[in-house]
Amino acid sequence: MKTLESFRDLSVDELRQKDIELRKELFNLRFQHATHQLENTSRLKLVRRDIARVNTIIREKQLQGAEG
């Protein structure tokens, strides 16, 4: 899990790339969970929250660009 400030330092394009990476990781974690290979199930929750953080920051930056 990255901190919120480290996400804020990224550009919108970098945030979108990070979103894609996190979604791929979430897919792999879900697959491992379904096949009973996932040992740390709390990682699912952390990745979902990171995806939400990234999407929130993308939206904030879009709104700042529209206002400025």
N, C-alpha and C. Protein backbone atom coordinates (compact mmCIF):
# COMPACT_ATOMS: atom_id res chain seq x y z
N MET A 1 0.84 -1.19 0.00
CA MET A 1 0.00 0.00 0.00
C MET A 1 0.88 1.23 0.00
N LYS A 2 0.59 2.13 -0.89
CA LYS A 2 1.31 3.38 -0.94
C LYS A 2 0.54 4.43 -0.14
N THR A 3 1.26 5.44 0.27
CA THR A 3 0.60 6.51 1.00
C THR A 3 -0.16 7.41 0.04
N LEU A 4 -1.09 8.12 0.58
CA LEU A 4 -1.91 9.01 -0.24
C LEU A 4 -1.06 10.10 -0.89
N GLU A 5 -0.09 10.62 -0.16
CA GLU A 5 0.77 11.67 -0.69
C GLU A 5 1.62 11.18 -1.87
N SER A 6 2.07 9.93 -1.80
CA SER A 6 2.87 9.41 -2.91
C SER A 6 2.02 9.27 -4.18
N PHE A 7 0.73 9.00 -4.02
CA PHE A 7 -0.16 8.95 -5.18
C PHE A 7 -0.40 10.36 -5.72
N ARG A 8 -0.50 11.34 -4.85
CA ARG A 8 -0.76 12.72 -5.28
C ARG A 8 0.40 13.30 -6.09
N ASP A 9 1.60 12.78 -5.89
CA ASP A 9 2.77 13.28 -6.61
C ASP A 9 2.80 12.81 -8.06
N LEU A 10 1.99 11.82 -8.42
CA LEU A 10 1.99 11.27 -9.76
C LEU A 10 1.10 12.09 -10.69
N SER A 11 1.40 12.03 -11.99
CA SER A 11 0.56 12.71 -12.97
C SER A 11 -0.67 11.84 -13.26
N VAL A 12 -1.62 12.39 -13.99
CA VAL A 12 -2.85 11.66 -14.30
C VAL A 12 -2.53 10.41 -15.13
N ASP A 13 -1.62 10.54 -16.10
CA ASP A 13 -1.25 9.38 -16.91
C ASP A 13 -0.60 8.29 -16.07
N GLU A 14 0.26 8.70 -15.14
CA GLU A 14 0.90 7.72 -14.25
C GLU A 14 -0.12 7.07 -13.34
N LEU A 15 -1.10 7.85 -12.89
CA LEU A 15 -2.16 7.30 -12.04
C LEU A 15 -3.00 6.28 -12.81
N ARG A 16 -3.28 6.59 -14.06
CA ARG A 16 -4.06 5.63 -14.87
C ARG A 16 -3.28 4.33 -15.07
N GLN A 17 -1.97 4.44 -15.27
CA GLN A 17 -1.13 3.25 -15.41
C GLN A 17 -1.12 2.46 -14.10
N LYS A 18 -1.05 3.17 -12.98
CA LYS A 18 -1.07 2.52 -11.67
C LYS A 18 -2.40 1.80 -11.46
N ASP A 19 -3.49 2.42 -11.91
CA ASP A 19 -4.81 1.81 -11.80
C ASP A 19 -4.86 0.48 -12.57
N ILE A 20 -4.29 0.47 -13.76
CA ILE A 20 -4.25 -0.75 -14.57
C ILE A 20 -3.44 -1.83 -13.86
N GLU A 21 -2.28 -1.44 -13.30
CA GLU A 21 -1.44 -2.41 -12.59
C GLU A 21 -2.17 -2.99 -11.37
N LEU A 22 -2.85 -2.12 -10.62
CA LEU A 22 -3.56 -2.58 -9.43
C LEU A 22 -4.72 -3.51 -9.80
N ARG A 23 -5.41 -3.20 -10.90
CA ARG A 23 -6.52 -4.07 -11.32
C ARG A 23 -6.02 -5.44 -11.76
N LYS A 24 -4.84 -5.48 -12.41
CA LYS A 24 -4.25 -6.76 -12.78
C LYS A 24 -3.86 -7.55 -11.53
N GLU A 25 -3.30 -6.84 -10.55
CA GLU A 25 -2.94 -7.51 -9.31
C GLU A 25 -4.17 -8.05 -8.60
N LEU A 26 -5.25 -7.26 -8.59
CA LEU A 26 -6.49 -7.70 -7.96
C LEU A 26 -7.04 -8.94 -8.65
N PHE A 27 -6.99 -8.96 -9.98
CA PHE A 27 -7.44 -10.13 -10.73
C PHE A 27 -6.65 -11.37 -10.32
N ASN A 28 -5.31 -11.22 -10.26
CA ASN A 28 -4.46 -12.35 -9.88
C ASN A 28 -4.73 -12.81 -8.45
N LEU A 29 -4.96 -11.85 -7.55
CA LEU A 29 -5.26 -12.21 -6.16
C LEU A 29 -6.59 -12.95 -6.07
N ARG A 30 -7.58 -12.50 -6.82
CA ARG A 30 -8.88 -13.18 -6.81
C ARG A 30 -8.75 -14.60 -7.37
N PHE A 31 -7.95 -14.74 -8.39
CA PHE A 31 -7.73 -16.06 -8.98
C PHE A 31 -7.05 -16.98 -7.96
N GLN A 32 -6.03 -16.47 -7.29
CA GLN A 32 -5.35 -17.27 -6.27
C GLN A 32 -6.29 -17.61 -5.12
N HIS A 33 -7.14 -16.67 -4.75
CA HIS A 33 -8.09 -16.91 -3.67
C HIS A 33 -9.09 -18.01 -4.05
N ALA A 34 -9.54 -17.99 -5.29
CA ALA A 34 -10.51 -18.98 -5.75
C ALA A 34 -9.90 -20.38 -5.80
N THR A 35 -8.60 -20.46 -6.06
CA THR A 35 -7.94 -21.77 -6.13
C THR A 35 -7.26 -22.14 -4.81
N HIS A 36 -7.57 -21.39 -3.76
CA HIS A 36 -7.05 -21.65 -2.40
C HIS A 36 -5.53 -21.59 -2.33
N GLN A 37 -4.93 -20.72 -3.11
CA GLN A 37 -3.48 -20.55 -3.09
C GLN A 37 -3.07 -19.25 -2.40
N LEU A 38 -4.03 -18.40 -2.07
CA LEU A 38 -3.73 -17.11 -1.48
C LEU A 38 -3.59 -17.25 0.03
N GLU A 39 -2.42 -16.87 0.55
CA GLU A 39 -2.19 -16.97 1.98
C GLU A 39 -2.63 -15.71 2.72
N ASN A 40 -2.37 -14.55 2.14
CA ASN A 40 -2.69 -13.28 2.78
C ASN A 40 -3.95 -12.69 2.15
N THR A 41 -5.11 -13.06 2.66
CA THR A 41 -6.36 -12.61 2.06
C THR A 41 -6.63 -11.14 2.31
N SER A 42 -5.99 -10.54 3.29
CA SER A 42 -6.20 -9.12 3.56
C SER A 42 -5.64 -8.26 2.43
N ARG A 43 -4.77 -8.82 1.62
CA ARG A 43 -4.20 -8.09 0.48
C ARG A 43 -5.30 -7.68 -0.51
N LEU A 44 -6.35 -8.49 -0.63
CA LEU A 44 -7.48 -8.16 -1.52
C LEU A 44 -8.08 -6.81 -1.13
N LYS A 45 -8.33 -6.63 0.15
CA LYS A 45 -8.93 -5.40 0.64
C LYS A 45 -8.00 -4.21 0.42
N LEU A 46 -6.72 -4.39 0.66
CA LEU A 46 -5.76 -3.30 0.50
C LEU A 46 -5.65 -2.85 -0.95
N VAL A 47 -5.65 -3.80 -1.88
CA VAL A 47 -5.55 -3.45 -3.30
C VAL A 47 -6.82 -2.74 -3.76
N ARG A 48 -7.99 -3.20 -3.30
CA ARG A 48 -9.24 -2.53 -3.66
C ARG A 48 -9.24 -1.09 -3.17
N ARG A 49 -8.74 -0.88 -1.98
CA ARG A 49 -8.68 0.49 -1.43
C ARG A 49 -7.69 1.36 -2.19
N ASP A 50 -6.56 0.78 -2.60
CA ASP A 50 -5.60 1.53 -3.39
C ASP A 50 -6.20 1.95 -4.74
N ILE A 51 -6.98 1.05 -5.34
CA ILE A 51 -7.66 1.38 -6.60
C ILE A 51 -8.61 2.56 -6.38
N ALA A 52 -9.35 2.53 -5.29
CA ALA A 52 -10.27 3.63 -4.98
C ALA A 52 -9.51 4.93 -4.75
N ARG A 53 -8.38 4.85 -4.06
CA ARG A 53 -7.57 6.05 -3.83
C ARG A 53 -7.09 6.65 -5.14
N VAL A 54 -6.59 5.80 -6.02
CA VAL A 54 -6.08 6.27 -7.31
C VAL A 54 -7.21 6.93 -8.11
N ASN A 55 -8.36 6.29 -8.15
CA ASN A 55 -9.49 6.85 -8.91
C ASN A 55 -9.96 8.18 -8.31
N THR A 56 -9.94 8.30 -6.99
CA THR A 56 -10.33 9.54 -6.34
C THR A 56 -9.37 10.67 -6.70
N ILE A 57 -8.08 10.38 -6.68
CA ILE A 57 -7.09 11.41 -7.00
C ILE A 57 -7.16 11.80 -8.47
N ILE A 58 -7.42 10.83 -9.36
CA ILE A 58 -7.60 11.16 -10.78
C ILE A 58 -8.77 12.13 -10.94
N ARG A 59 -9.86 11.85 -10.26
CA ARG A 59 -11.04 12.71 -10.35
C ARG A 59 -10.76 14.10 -9.79
N GLU A 60 -10.04 14.16 -8.67
CA GLU A 60 -9.69 15.46 -8.10
C GLU A 60 -8.85 16.28 -9.08
N LYS A 61 -7.89 15.64 -9.72
CA LYS A 61 -7.03 16.35 -10.66
C LYS A 61 -7.81 16.80 -11.89
N GLN A 62 -8.79 16.00 -12.32
CA GLN A 62 -9.63 16.39 -13.45
C GLN A 62 -10.46 17.62 -13.09
N LEU A 63 -10.99 17.64 -11.88
CA LEU A 63 -11.80 18.79 -11.46
C LEU A 63 -10.95 20.05 -11.29
N GLN A 64 -9.74 19.89 -10.80
CA GLN A 64 -8.84 21.04 -10.66
C GLN A 64 -8.49 21.60 -12.04
N GLY A 65 -8.31 20.73 -13.00
CA GLY A 65 -8.01 21.19 -14.36
C GLY A 65 -9.18 21.91 -14.99
N ALA A 66 -10.40 21.48 -14.68
CA ALA A 66 -11.58 22.12 -15.25
C ALA A 66 -11.82 23.47 -14.61
N GLU A 67 -11.47 23.62 -13.33
CA GLU A 67 -11.67 24.88 -12.63
C GLU A 67 -10.57 25.88 -12.96
N GLY A 68 -9.34 25.36 -13.15
CA GLY A 68 -8.20 26.26 -13.34
C GLY A 68 -8.02 26.62 -14.73
